[in-house]
Amino acid sequence: MSRTENIKAKLLNLCRILNEQTDELHGMTIPELIDALSARGISAERKGIYSDLQALREAGTDIVLRKTGGRCEYFVAGRTFDLAELKLLVDAVACSRFITAKKSRVLIGKLEGLASVHQAKQLNRQIYVTDRVKADNEEIYYTVDRLQNAILEDRQVSFLYFDYSVGKKKVLRRGGERYVVSPLSLCWDNENYYLIGYYERYQSLSHFRVDRMMDLTRLEEKRRHIDAVRFNAADYCKKLFGMFAGEETPVKIRFDNSLINVVLDRFGHEVYLRPVDETHFCVTAKVVPSPSFFGWLFGFGGKAKLLYPPSVMERYEEMLKQAVHTLHEKGGDV
């Protein structure tokens, strides 16, 4: 190795050693840095290390000198992500149902690489991937990427869509016929990733679980009936329950005051809470009346009452009657 190559290799390896081995709680002295370089087959002298540290600082690496008990040690202070941010990202990946267990471990391993080896141990201790409910579709990571590219390039997509059988086998919908959709947006709802897009078959917006897509292909045909400029994904998803599609309807609901936090979590802080009396308030909001919406409402028991419109109230009442009938129905053995 020439002298110039050795200087470059020394500088790069010194930077890696500092990033991998040091942080605010763990520093390295000059002799320790020289030994670490030597372990990598690179010779170095004290004077040269001082010069290299200064060069790394000038290049933007936040290297701090700390003197404690007669020990002078160096460590990397400022990183792209601090430890608290990495913990949040690791937990988000571990909790995400649409990311498979295998891909979760790969992503978390990459996140650990952004911390020192000492910090990485803390990240590793908070990982609980194995026993979480996870998707088993390994294609999802690349499916999301292809969908995002198709949206940016204004192109339609084609894919297979499946459900699970009682035997936990994948069964293709529509006998394996491909779905052709004009993708509009991706939405993360109730721990699942959904595609919102215009589906020609229904001539309306439809929703598809991304983890239940297979063999997604970007088509050359441009998207149809898509107004991406006016579409607000966050506002749209707020009106849905369980990602059921349908016609938006204004509803009025009376809630017990104990449900204020729940209502704000569901409809956002912009929703108007109109006081009714000392213990109740009313909310008027646009929703898509669906079994999931009625189930959400029913979960509050007597603390939530649907007041308007009559058509939605009738549907709610009919669903409750059917549930009671099923409960009392005498059937065969389960």
C-alpha atoms as a PDB file:
ATOM      1  CA  MET A   1       0.000   0.000   0.000  1.00  0.00           C
ATOM      2  CA  SER A   2       1.430   3.395  -0.979  1.00  0.00           C
ATOM      3  CA  ARG A   3       1.796   6.210   1.548  1.00  0.00           C
ATOM      4  CA  THR A   4      -1.175   8.085   0.033  1.00  0.00           C
ATOM      5  CA  GLU A   5      -3.371   4.971   0.127  1.00  0.00           C
ATOM      6  CA  ASN A   6      -2.339   4.329   3.745  1.00  0.00           C
ATOM      7  CA  ILE A   7      -3.294   7.885   4.740  1.00  0.00           C
ATOM      8  CA  LYS A   8      -6.737   7.505   3.119  1.00  0.00           C
ATOM      9  CA  ALA A   9      -7.299   4.090   4.672  1.00  0.00           C
ATOM     10  CA  LYS A  10      -6.222   5.371   8.092  1.00  0.00           C
ATOM     11  CA  LEU A  11      -8.622   8.326   7.942  1.00  0.00           C
ATOM     12  CA  LEU A  12     -11.587   6.219   6.793  1.00  0.00           C
ATOM     13  CA  ASN A  13     -10.962   3.510   9.378  1.00  0.00           C
ATOM     14  CA  LEU A  14     -10.446   6.047  12.154  1.00  0.00           C
ATOM     15  CA  CYS A  15     -13.846   7.530  11.291  1.00  0.00           C
ATOM     16  CA  ARG A  16     -15.471   4.063  11.349  1.00  0.00           C
ATOM     17  CA  ILE A  17     -13.846   3.180  14.686  1.00  0.00           C
ATOM     18  CA  LEU A  18     -15.075   6.389  16.306  1.00  0.00           C
ATOM     19  CA  ASN A  19     -18.609   5.933  14.941  1.00  0.00           C
ATOM     20  CA  GLU A  20     -18.777   2.253  15.893  1.00  0.00           C
ATOM     21  CA  GLN A  21     -16.987   2.286  19.258  1.00  0.00           C
ATOM     22  CA  THR A  22     -17.689   5.680  20.851  1.00  0.00           C
ATOM     23  CA  ASP A  23     -20.631   7.730  22.077  1.00  0.00           C
ATOM     24  CA  GLU A  24     -21.396  10.202  24.892  1.00  0.00           C
ATOM     25  CA  LEU A  25     -20.750   7.484  27.517  1.00  0.00           C
ATOM     26  CA  HIS A  26     -17.854   5.664  25.839  1.00  0.00           C
ATOM     27  CA  GLY A  27     -14.706   7.383  24.594  1.00  0.00           C
ATOM     28  CA  MET A  28     -11.302   6.217  23.337  1.00  0.00           C
ATOM     29  CA  THR A  29      -7.854   7.582  24.099  1.00  0.00           C
ATOM     30  CA  ILE A  30      -5.198   8.189  21.461  1.00  0.00           C
ATOM     31  CA  PRO A  31      -3.338   4.946  22.387  1.00  0.00           C
ATOM     32  CA  GLU A  32      -6.641   3.031  22.144  1.00  0.00           C
ATOM     33  CA  LEU A  33      -7.327   4.506  18.716  1.00  0.00           C
ATOM     34  CA  ILE A  34      -3.806   3.553  17.573  1.00  0.00           C
ATOM     35  CA  ASP A  35      -4.344  -0.033  18.841  1.00  0.00           C
ATOM     36  CA  ALA A  36      -7.736  -0.234  17.100  1.00  0.00           C
ATOM     37  CA  LEU A  37      -6.153   0.873  13.816  1.00  0.00           C
ATOM     38  CA  SER A  38      -3.320  -1.605  14.301  1.00  0.00           C
ATOM     39  CA  ALA A  39      -5.893  -4.404  14.727  1.00  0.00           C
ATOM     40  CA  ARG A  40      -7.060  -3.480  11.230  1.00  0.00           C
ATOM     41  CA  GLY A  41      -3.537  -3.651   9.851  1.00  0.00           C
ATOM     42  CA  ILE A  42      -3.008   0.110   9.742  1.00  0.00           C
ATOM     43  CA  SER A  43      -0.021   1.761  11.423  1.00  0.00           C
ATOM     44  CA  ALA A  44      -0.431   5.168  13.039  1.00  0.00           C
ATOM     45  CA  GLU A  45       1.422   7.608  15.285  1.00  0.00           C
ATOM     46  CA  ARG A  46       0.100   9.953  17.960  1.00  0.00           C
ATOM     47  CA  LYS A  47       0.909  13.117  16.004  1.00  0.00           C
ATOM     48  CA  GLY A  48      -0.821  11.792  12.897  1.00  0.00           C
ATOM     49  CA  ILE A  49      -3.953  10.874  14.886  1.00  0.00           C
ATOM     50  CA  TYR A  50      -4.291  14.445  16.162  1.00  0.00           C
ATOM     51  CA  SER A  51      -4.090  15.698  12.578  1.00  0.00           C
ATOM     52  CA  ASP A  52      -6.644  13.104  11.408  1.00  0.00           C
ATOM     53  CA  LEU A  53      -9.093  14.026  14.176  1.00  0.00           C
ATOM     54  CA  GLN A  54      -8.922  17.650  13.135  1.00  0.00           C
ATOM     55  CA  ALA A  55      -9.485  16.689   9.485  1.00  0.00           C
ATOM     56  CA  LEU A  56     -12.587  14.697  10.451  1.00  0.00           C
ATOM     57  CA  ARG A  57     -13.918  17.638  12.456  1.00  0.00           C
ATOM     58  CA  GLU A  58     -13.439  19.946   9.490  1.00  0.00           C
ATOM     59  CA  ALA A  59     -15.307  17.411   7.326  1.00  0.00           C
ATOM     60  CA  GLY A  60     -18.326  17.632   9.649  1.00  0.00           C
ATOM     61  CA  THR A  61     -17.849  14.786  12.154  1.00  0.00           C
ATOM     62  CA  ASP A  62     -18.747  15.991  15.666  1.00  0.00           C
ATOM     63  CA  ILE A  63     -15.732  14.673  17.625  1.00  0.00           C
ATOM     64  CA  VAL A  64     -15.487  15.809  21.243  1.00  0.00           C
ATOM     65  CA  LEU A  65     -12.519  15.645  23.628  1.00  0.00           C
ATOM     66  CA  ARG A  66     -13.413  14.748  27.209  1.00  0.00           C
ATOM     67  CA  LYS A  67     -10.994  14.806  30.169  1.00  0.00           C
ATOM     68  CA  THR A  68     -12.001  12.660  33.140  1.00  0.00           C
ATOM     69  CA  GLY A  69      -9.663  11.577  35.933  1.00  0.00           C
ATOM     70  CA  GLY A  70      -6.515  12.218  33.954  1.00  0.00           C
ATOM     71  CA  ARG A  71      -7.920  10.316  30.969  1.00  0.00           C
ATOM     72  CA  CYS A  72      -8.242  12.191  27.651  1.00  0.00           C
ATOM     73  CA  GLU A  73     -10.721  10.436  25.410  1.00  0.00           C
ATOM     74  CA  TYR A  74     -12.487  11.230  22.159  1.00  0.00           C
ATOM     75  CA  PHE A  75     -16.028  10.335  21.129  1.00  0.00           C
ATOM     76  CA  VAL A  76     -18.582  11.104  18.423  1.00  0.00           C
ATOM     77  CA  ALA A  77     -21.299  13.315  19.912  1.00  0.00           C
ATOM     78  CA  GLY A  78     -23.655  14.471  17.183  1.00  0.00           C
ATOM     79  CA  ARG A  79     -25.125  11.722  14.991  1.00  0.00           C
ATOM     80  CA  THR A  80     -27.800  11.740  12.311  1.00  0.00           C
ATOM     81  CA  PHE A  81     -30.152  10.070  14.825  1.00  0.00           C
ATOM     82  CA  ASP A  82     -29.744  10.210  18.589  1.00  0.00           C
ATOM     83  CA  LEU A  83     -30.448   7.136  20.719  1.00  0.00           C
ATOM     84  CA  ALA A  84     -33.985   8.193  21.681  1.00  0.00           C
ATOM     85  CA  GLU A  85     -34.912   8.649  18.000  1.00  0.00           C
ATOM     86  CA  LEU A  86     -33.459   5.259  17.082  1.00  0.00           C
ATOM     87  CA  LYS A  87     -35.444   3.594  19.867  1.00  0.00           C
ATOM     88  CA  LEU A  88     -38.634   5.089  18.440  1.00  0.00           C
ATOM     89  CA  LEU A  89     -37.787   3.897  14.925  1.00  0.00           C
ATOM     90  CA  VAL A  90     -36.847   0.404  16.118  1.00  0.00           C
ATOM     91  CA  ASP A  91     -40.076   0.063  18.076  1.00  0.00           C
ATOM     92  CA  ALA A  92     -42.113   1.315  15.103  1.00  0.00           C
ATOM     93  CA  VAL A  93     -40.544  -1.329  12.850  1.00  0.00           C
ATOM     94  CA  ALA A  94     -40.995  -4.059  15.463  1.00  0.00           C
ATOM     95  CA  CYS A  95     -44.664  -3.125  16.008  1.00  0.00           C
ATOM     96  CA  SER A  96     -45.593  -2.750  12.336  1.00  0.00           C
ATOM     97  CA  ARG A  97     -47.781  -5.701  11.400  1.00  0.00           C
ATOM     98  CA  PHE A  98     -47.345  -5.193   7.660  1.00  0.00           C
ATOM     99  CA  ILE A  99     -43.557  -5.718   7.899  1.00  0.00           C
ATOM    100  CA  THR A 100     -42.668  -9.407   8.150  1.00  0.00           C
ATOM    101  CA  ALA A 101     -40.585 -10.700  11.065  1.00  0.00           C
ATOM    102  CA  LYS A 102     -37.663 -11.412   8.733  1.00  0.00           C
ATOM    103  CA  LYS A 103     -37.699  -7.942   7.163  1.00  0.00           C
ATOM    104  CA  SER A 104     -38.172  -6.350  10.600  1.00  0.00           C
ATOM    105  CA  ARG A 105     -34.933  -7.916  11.801  1.00  0.00           C
ATOM    106  CA  VAL A 106     -33.090  -6.738   8.695  1.00  0.00           C
ATOM    107  CA  LEU A 107     -34.336  -3.158   9.066  1.00  0.00           C
ATOM    108  CA  ILE A 108     -33.607  -3.086  12.792  1.00  0.00           C
ATOM    109  CA  GLY A 109     -30.090  -4.372  12.108  1.00  0.00           C
ATOM    110  CA  LYS A 110     -29.541  -1.438   9.757  1.00  0.00           C
ATOM    111  CA  LEU A 111     -30.873   0.990  12.354  1.00  0.00           C
ATOM    112  CA  GLU A 112     -28.456  -0.478  14.907  1.00  0.00           C
ATOM    113  CA  GLY A 113     -25.646   0.362  12.484  1.00  0.00           C
ATOM    114  CA  LEU A 114     -26.459   4.048  12.948  1.00  0.00           C
ATOM    115  CA  ALA A 115     -25.495   3.811  16.633  1.00  0.00           C
ATOM    116  CA  SER A 116     -22.342   2.816  18.485  1.00  0.00           C
ATOM    117  CA  VAL A 117     -21.952  -0.844  19.456  1.00  0.00           C
ATOM    118  CA  HIS A 118     -22.734   0.132  23.047  1.00  0.00           C
ATOM    119  CA  GLN A 119     -25.965   1.905  22.085  1.00  0.00           C
ATOM    120  CA  ALA A 120     -26.897  -0.947  19.739  1.00  0.00           C
ATOM    121  CA  LYS A 121     -27.108  -3.245  22.789  1.00  0.00           C
ATOM    122  CA  GLN A 122     -29.840  -1.022  24.203  1.00  0.00           C
ATOM    123  CA  LEU A 123     -31.711  -1.137  20.902  1.00  0.00           C
ATOM    124  CA  ASN A 124     -31.386  -4.909  20.774  1.00  0.00           C
ATOM    125  CA  ARG A 125     -32.809  -5.316  24.282  1.00  0.00           C
ATOM    126  CA  GLN A 126     -36.059  -3.583  23.354  1.00  0.00           C
ATOM    127  CA  ILE A 127     -36.769  -5.753  20.307  1.00  0.00           C
ATOM    128  CA  TYR A 128     -39.690  -8.193  20.521  1.00  0.00           C
ATOM    129  CA  VAL A 129     -40.371  -9.380  16.994  1.00  0.00           C
ATOM    130  CA  THR A 130     -40.842 -13.143  17.234  1.00  0.00           C
ATOM    131  CA  ASP A 131     -44.116 -13.221  19.182  1.00  0.00           C
ATOM    132  CA  ARG A 132     -45.772 -10.214  17.528  1.00  0.00           C
ATOM    133  CA  VAL A 133     -48.578 -10.629  14.990  1.00  0.00           C
ATOM    134  CA  LYS A 134     -46.792 -10.071  11.676  1.00  0.00           C
ATOM    135  CA  ALA A 135     -47.570 -10.329   7.991  1.00  0.00           C
ATOM    136  CA  ASP A 136     -46.019 -13.284   6.169  1.00  0.00           C
ATOM    137  CA  ASN A 137     -45.905 -11.739   2.694  1.00  0.00           C
ATOM    138  CA  GLU A 138     -42.213 -11.104   2.000  1.00  0.00           C
ATOM    139  CA  GLU A 139     -43.094  -9.144  -1.160  1.00  0.00           C
ATOM    140  CA  ILE A 140     -44.620  -6.249   0.768  1.00  0.00           C
ATOM    141  CA  TYR A 141     -41.366  -4.317   1.158  1.00  0.00           C
ATOM    142  CA  TYR A 142     -40.930  -4.119  -2.610  1.00  0.00           C
ATOM    143  CA  THR A 143     -44.665  -3.813  -3.313  1.00  0.00           C
ATOM    144  CA  VAL A 144     -44.778  -0.558  -1.333  1.00  0.00           C
ATOM    145  CA  ASP A 145     -41.796   0.776  -3.278  1.00  0.00           C
ATOM    146  CA  ARG A 146     -43.379  -0.113  -6.644  1.00  0.00           C
ATOM    147  CA  LEU A 147     -46.679   1.476  -5.625  1.00  0.00           C
ATOM    148  CA  GLN A 148     -44.976   4.706  -4.593  1.00  0.00           C
ATOM    149  CA  ASN A 149     -43.081   4.810  -7.891  1.00  0.00           C
ATOM    150  CA  ALA A 150     -46.280   4.179  -9.868  1.00  0.00           C
ATOM    151  CA  ILE A 151     -47.997   7.067  -8.050  1.00  0.00           C
ATOM    152  CA  LEU A 152     -45.066   9.397  -8.779  1.00  0.00           C
ATOM    153  CA  GLU A 153     -44.973   8.305 -12.433  1.00  0.00           C
ATOM    154  CA  ASP A 154     -48.776   8.555 -12.871  1.00  0.00           C
ATOM    155  CA  ARG A 155     -49.149   4.903 -13.950  1.00  0.00           C
ATOM    156  CA  GLN A 156     -51.693   2.145 -13.280  1.00  0.00           C
ATOM    157  CA  VAL A 157     -50.741  -1.074 -11.510  1.00  0.00           C
ATOM    158  CA  SER A 158     -51.797  -4.694 -11.839  1.00  0.00           C
ATOM    159  CA  PHE A 159     -51.700  -7.331  -9.093  1.00  0.00           C
ATOM    160  CA  LEU A 160     -53.145 -10.534  -7.700  1.00  0.00           C
ATOM    161  CA  TYR A 161     -55.185 -10.268  -4.492  1.00  0.00           C
ATOM    162  CA  PHE A 162     -55.743 -13.052  -1.972  1.00  0.00           C
ATOM    163  CA  ASP A 163     -57.576 -14.048   1.205  1.00  0.00           C
ATOM    164  CA  TYR A 164     -56.764 -16.808   3.675  1.00  0.00           C
ATOM    165  CA  SER A 165     -58.721 -20.043   3.935  1.00  0.00           C
ATOM    166  CA  VAL A 166     -59.591 -21.783   7.201  1.00  0.00           C
ATOM    167  CA  GLY A 167     -56.498 -23.883   6.590  1.00  0.00           C
ATOM    168  CA  LYS A 168     -54.415 -20.664   6.462  1.00  0.00           C
ATOM    169  CA  LYS A 169     -53.727 -21.104   2.750  1.00  0.00           C
ATOM    170  CA  LYS A 170     -53.668 -18.194   0.324  1.00  0.00           C
ATOM    171  CA  VAL A 171     -56.701 -18.223  -1.979  1.00  0.00           C
ATOM    172  CA  LEU A 172     -56.666 -15.818  -4.916  1.00  0.00           C
ATOM    173  CA  ARG A 173     -59.758 -13.666  -5.340  1.00  0.00           C
ATOM    174  CA  ARG A 174     -61.728 -13.717  -8.590  1.00  0.00           C
ATOM    175  CA  GLY A 175     -60.170 -17.039  -9.530  1.00  0.00           C
ATOM    176  CA  GLY A 176     -56.733 -15.526  -9.993  1.00  0.00           C
ATOM    177  CA  GLU A 177     -57.831 -12.738 -12.331  1.00  0.00           C
ATOM    178  CA  ARG A 178     -55.568  -9.714 -12.040  1.00  0.00           C
ATOM    179  CA  TYR A 179     -56.758  -6.435 -10.536  1.00  0.00           C
ATOM    180  CA  VAL A 180     -56.000  -3.251 -12.480  1.00  0.00           C
ATOM    181  CA  VAL A 181     -56.053  -0.121 -10.326  1.00  0.00           C
ATOM    182  CA  SER A 182     -55.074   3.537 -10.664  1.00  0.00           C
ATOM    183  CA  PRO A 183     -53.157   4.113  -7.396  1.00  0.00           C
ATOM    184  CA  LEU A 184     -53.793   7.355  -5.558  1.00  0.00           C
ATOM    185  CA  SER A 185     -52.269   7.081  -2.110  1.00  0.00           C
ATOM    186  CA  LEU A 186     -50.955   4.712   0.538  1.00  0.00           C
ATOM    187  CA  CYS A 187     -52.586   4.788   3.944  1.00  0.00           C
ATOM    188  CA  TRP A 188     -51.515   3.234   7.238  1.00  0.00           C
ATOM    189  CA  ASP A 189     -54.629   2.386   9.259  1.00  0.00           C
ATOM    190  CA  ASN A 190     -55.101   0.128  12.278  1.00  0.00           C
ATOM    191  CA  GLU A 191     -51.572  -1.317  11.901  1.00  0.00           C
ATOM    192  CA  ASN A 192     -52.090  -2.235   8.245  1.00  0.00           C
ATOM    193  CA  TYR A 193     -50.925  -0.637   4.993  1.00  0.00           C
ATOM    194  CA  TYR A 194     -53.649   0.064   2.419  1.00  0.00           C
ATOM    195  CA  LEU A 195     -53.633   1.213  -1.183  1.00  0.00           C
ATOM    196  CA  ILE A 196     -56.337   3.754  -2.052  1.00  0.00           C
ATOM    197  CA  GLY A 197     -57.002   3.776  -5.775  1.00  0.00           C
ATOM    198  CA  TYR A 198     -59.595   4.044  -8.500  1.00  0.00           C
ATOM    199  CA  TYR A 199     -60.918   0.586  -9.386  1.00  0.00           C
ATOM    200  CA  GLU A 200     -62.558   0.507 -12.821  1.00  0.00           C
ATOM    201  CA  ARG A 201     -64.696  -2.528 -11.941  1.00  0.00           C
ATOM    202  CA  TYR A 202     -66.569  -0.564  -9.259  1.00  0.00           C
ATOM    203  CA  GLN A 203     -66.023   2.854 -10.877  1.00  0.00           C
ATOM    204  CA  SER A 204     -65.058   4.320  -7.520  1.00  0.00           C
ATOM    205  CA  LEU A 205     -62.234   4.544  -5.008  1.00  0.00           C
ATOM    206  CA  SER A 206     -61.425   1.192  -3.417  1.00  0.00           C
ATOM    207  CA  HIS A 207     -59.013   0.035  -0.739  1.00  0.00           C
ATOM    208  CA  PHE A 208     -56.633  -2.921  -0.852  1.00  0.00           C
ATOM    209  CA  ARG A 209     -54.469  -4.404   1.900  1.00  0.00           C
ATOM    210  CA  VAL A 210     -50.907  -4.169   0.620  1.00  0.00           C
ATOM    211  CA  ASP A 211     -49.814  -7.312   2.474  1.00  0.00           C
ATOM    212  CA  ARG A 212     -52.479  -9.278   0.529  1.00  0.00           C
ATOM    213  CA  MET A 213     -51.157  -8.245  -2.871  1.00  0.00           C
ATOM    214  CA  MET A 214     -48.981 -10.513  -4.964  1.00  0.00           C
ATOM    215  CA  ASP A 215     -46.982 -10.051  -8.156  1.00  0.00           C
ATOM    216  CA  LEU A 216     -47.599  -6.302  -8.440  1.00  0.00           C
ATOM    217  CA  THR A 217     -46.619  -4.828 -11.820  1.00  0.00           C
ATOM    218  CA  ARG A 218     -46.446  -1.215 -12.975  1.00  0.00           C
ATOM    219  CA  LEU A 219     -48.327  -0.716 -16.236  1.00  0.00           C
ATOM    220  CA  GLU A 220     -47.618   1.763 -19.017  1.00  0.00           C
ATOM    221  CA  GLU A 221     -51.197   3.085 -19.041  1.00  0.00           C
ATOM    222  CA  LYS A 222     -51.649   6.376 -17.209  1.00  0.00           C
ATOM    223  CA  ARG A 223     -53.879   6.554 -14.130  1.00  0.00           C
ATOM    224  CA  ARG A 224     -57.577   7.258 -14.699  1.00  0.00           C
ATOM    225  CA  HIS A 225     -60.110   9.351 -12.748  1.00  0.00           C
ATOM    226  CA  ILE A 226     -57.429  10.531 -10.324  1.00  0.00           C
ATOM    227  CA  ASP A 227     -57.378  14.052  -8.897  1.00  0.00           C
ATOM    228  CA  ALA A 228     -54.271  13.853  -6.728  1.00  0.00           C
ATOM    229  CA  VAL A 229     -54.087  17.614  -6.223  1.00  0.00           C
ATOM    230  CA  ARG A 230     -57.434  17.884  -4.440  1.00  0.00           C
ATOM    231  CA  PHE A 231     -57.238  14.532  -2.629  1.00  0.00           C
ATOM    232  CA  ASN A 232     -56.358  14.729   1.087  1.00  0.00           C
ATOM    233  CA  ALA A 233     -55.436  11.238   2.290  1.00  0.00           C
ATOM    234  CA  ALA A 234     -55.456  12.152   6.003  1.00  0.00           C
ATOM    235  CA  ASP A 235     -58.908  13.741   5.798  1.00  0.00           C
ATOM    236  CA  TYR A 236     -60.229  10.871   3.684  1.00  0.00           C
ATOM    237  CA  CYS A 237     -59.023   8.147   6.063  1.00  0.00           C
ATOM    238  CA  LYS A 238     -60.483   9.942   9.094  1.00  0.00           C
ATOM    239  CA  LYS A 239     -63.964   9.296   7.710  1.00  0.00           C
ATOM    240  CA  LEU A 240     -63.380   5.556   7.285  1.00  0.00           C
ATOM    241  CA  PHE A 241     -63.734   2.803   9.866  1.00  0.00           C
ATOM    242  CA  GLY A 242     -61.831  -0.386   9.144  1.00  0.00           C
ATOM    243  CA  MET A 243     -61.033   1.031   5.673  1.00  0.00           C
ATOM    244  CA  PHE A 244     -64.568   0.188   4.454  1.00  0.00           C
ATOM    245  CA  ALA A 245     -65.325   2.165   1.296  1.00  0.00           C
ATOM    246  CA  GLY A 246     -68.692   3.785   0.695  1.00  0.00           C
ATOM    247  CA  GLU A 247     -70.588   7.046   0.471  1.00  0.00           C
ATOM    248  CA  GLU A 248     -69.721   9.721   3.007  1.00  0.00           C
ATOM    249  CA  THR A 249     -72.644  10.707   5.232  1.00  0.00           C
ATOM    250  CA  PRO A 250     -72.893  13.461   7.883  1.00  0.00           C
ATOM    251  CA  VAL A 251     -73.807  11.908  11.237  1.00  0.00           C
ATOM    252  CA  LYS A 252     -74.580  13.412  14.615  1.00  0.00           C
ATOM    253  CA  ILE A 253     -73.571  11.506  17.733  1.00  0.00           C
ATOM    254  CA  ARG A 254     -74.024  12.312  21.426  1.00  0.00           C
ATOM    255  CA  PHE A 255     -71.152  11.196  23.672  1.00  0.00           C
ATOM    256  CA  ASP A 256     -70.520  11.023  27.382  1.00  0.00           C
ATOM    257  CA  ASN A 257     -67.828  13.513  28.461  1.00  0.00           C
ATOM    258  CA  SER A 258     -65.591  10.578  29.455  1.00  0.00           C
ATOM    259  CA  LEU A 259     -65.129   9.870  25.715  1.00  0.00           C
ATOM    260  CA  ILE A 260     -63.683  13.260  24.738  1.00  0.00           C
ATOM    261  CA  ASN A 261     -60.157  11.859  24.268  1.00  0.00           C
ATOM    262  CA  VAL A 262     -61.465   8.950  22.191  1.00  0.00           C
ATOM    263  CA  VAL A 263     -63.452  11.286  19.927  1.00  0.00           C
ATOM    264  CA  LEU A 264     -60.489  13.612  19.405  1.00  0.00           C
ATOM    265  CA  ASP A 265     -58.255  10.621  18.595  1.00  0.00           C
ATOM    266  CA  ARG A 266     -60.783   9.457  16.005  1.00  0.00           C
ATOM    267  CA  PHE A 267     -61.862  12.708  14.350  1.00  0.00           C
ATOM    268  CA  GLY A 268     -58.923  14.999  15.102  1.00  0.00           C
ATOM    269  CA  HIS A 269     -58.661  18.137  17.211  1.00  0.00           C
ATOM    270  CA  GLU A 270     -60.366  20.238  14.531  1.00  0.00           C
ATOM    271  CA  VAL A 271     -63.750  18.606  15.192  1.00  0.00           C
ATOM    272  CA  TYR A 272     -66.274  20.802  17.038  1.00  0.00           C
ATOM    273  CA  LEU A 273     -67.460  19.452  20.397  1.00  0.00           C
ATOM    274  CA  ARG A 274     -70.857  20.997  21.174  1.00  0.00           C
ATOM    275  CA  PRO A 275     -71.813  20.770  24.869  1.00  0.00           C
ATOM    276  CA  VAL A 276     -75.297  19.303  25.439  1.00  0.00           C
ATOM    277  CA  ASP A 277     -75.393  19.347  29.248  1.00  0.00           C
ATOM    278  CA  GLU A 278     -72.941  18.948  32.102  1.00  0.00           C
ATOM    279  CA  THR A 279     -72.135  15.344  31.186  1.00  0.00           C
ATOM    280  CA  HIS A 280     -72.606  15.098  27.412  1.00  0.00           C
ATOM    281  CA  PHE A 281     -71.465  16.673  24.147  1.00  0.00           C
ATOM    282  CA  CYS A 282     -72.411  16.265  20.480  1.00  0.00           C
ATOM    283  CA  VAL A 283     -70.262  15.807  17.392  1.00  0.00           C
ATOM    284  CA  THR A 284     -71.274  16.176  13.757  1.00  0.00           C
ATOM    285  CA  ALA A 285     -68.847  14.572  11.326  1.00  0.00           C
ATOM    286  CA  LYS A 286     -68.738  12.943   7.907  1.00  0.00           C
ATOM    287  CA  VAL A 287     -68.179   9.180   8.050  1.00  0.00           C
ATOM    288  CA  VAL A 288     -68.693   6.145   5.856  1.00  0.00           C
ATOM    289  CA  PRO A 289     -71.429   4.158   7.679  1.00  0.00           C
ATOM    290  CA  SER A 290     -70.171   0.590   7.739  1.00  0.00           C
ATOM    291  CA  PRO A 291     -70.206  -2.443  10.046  1.00  0.00           C
ATOM    292  CA  SER A 292     -66.878  -1.217  11.464  1.00  0.00           C
ATOM    293  CA  PHE A 293     -68.371   2.211  12.226  1.00  0.00           C
ATOM    294  CA  PHE A 294     -71.389   0.638  13.933  1.00  0.00           C
ATOM    295  CA  GLY A 295     -69.101  -1.723  15.852  1.00  0.00           C
ATOM    296  CA  TRP A 296     -66.996   1.230  17.022  1.00  0.00           C
ATOM    297  CA  LEU A 297     -70.136   3.031  18.173  1.00  0.00           C
ATOM    298  CA  PHE A 298     -71.557  -0.062  19.898  1.00  0.00           C
ATOM    299  CA  GLY A 299     -68.333  -0.527  21.858  1.00  0.00           C
ATOM    300  CA  PHE A 300     -69.176   2.530  23.954  1.00  0.00           C
ATOM    301  CA  GLY A 301     -72.499   1.080  25.111  1.00  0.00           C
ATOM    302  CA  GLY A 302     -74.809   3.697  26.570  1.00  0.00           C
ATOM    303  CA  LYS A 303     -72.092   6.360  26.451  1.00  0.00           C
ATOM    304  CA  ALA A 304     -72.647   7.028  22.736  1.00  0.00           C
ATOM    305  CA  LYS A 305     -75.961   7.587  20.965  1.00  0.00           C
ATOM    306  CA  LEU A 306     -76.499   8.050  17.231  1.00  0.00           C
ATOM    307  CA  LEU A 307     -78.923  10.954  16.689  1.00  0.00           C
ATOM    308  CA  TYR A 308     -78.892  11.592  12.932  1.00  0.00           C
ATOM    309  CA  PRO A 309     -79.642  10.796  10.110  1.00  0.00           C
ATOM    310  CA  PRO A 310     -82.645   8.420  10.296  1.00  0.00           C
ATOM    311  CA  SER A 311     -81.323   6.278   7.401  1.00  0.00           C
ATOM    312  CA  VAL A 312     -78.084   5.494   9.238  1.00  0.00           C
ATOM    313  CA  MET A 313     -79.960   5.001  12.517  1.00  0.00           C
ATOM    314  CA  GLU A 314     -82.159   2.403  10.806  1.00  0.00           C
ATOM    315  CA  ARG A 315     -79.126   0.534   9.456  1.00  0.00           C
ATOM    316  CA  TYR A 316     -77.559   0.573  12.920  1.00  0.00           C
ATOM    317  CA  GLU A 317     -80.773  -0.747  14.487  1.00  0.00           C
ATOM    318  CA  GLU A 318     -81.060  -3.498  11.878  1.00  0.00           C
ATOM    319  CA  MET A 319     -77.490  -4.625  12.514  1.00  0.00           C
ATOM    320  CA  LEU A 320     -78.154  -4.771  16.264  1.00  0.00           C
ATOM    321  CA  LYS A 321     -81.326  -6.828  15.682  1.00  0.00           C
ATOM    322  CA  GLN A 322     -79.399  -9.272  13.508  1.00  0.00           C
ATOM    323  CA  ALA A 323     -76.719  -9.596  16.186  1.00  0.00           C
ATOM    324  CA  VAL A 324     -79.326 -10.338  18.863  1.00  0.00           C
ATOM    325  CA  HIS A 325     -81.056 -12.831  16.568  1.00  0.00           C
ATOM    326  CA  THR A 326     -77.769 -14.625  15.915  1.00  0.00           C
ATOM    327  CA  LEU A 327     -77.023 -14.704  19.632  1.00  0.00           C
ATOM    328  CA  HIS A 328     -80.310 -16.473  20.414  1.00  0.00           C
ATOM    329  CA  GLU A 329     -80.454 -18.584  17.284  1.00  0.00           C
ATOM    330  CA  LYS A 330     -80.406 -22.307  17.968  1.00  0.00           C
ATOM    331  CA  GLY A 331     -77.931 -23.868  15.612  1.00  0.00           C
ATOM    332  CA  GLY A 332     -75.880 -27.000  15.349  1.00  0.00           C
ATOM    333  CA  ASP A 333     -72.650 -27.714  17.180  1.00  0.00           C
ATOM    334  CA  VAL A 334     -69.771 -25.353  16.507  1.00  0.00           C
END
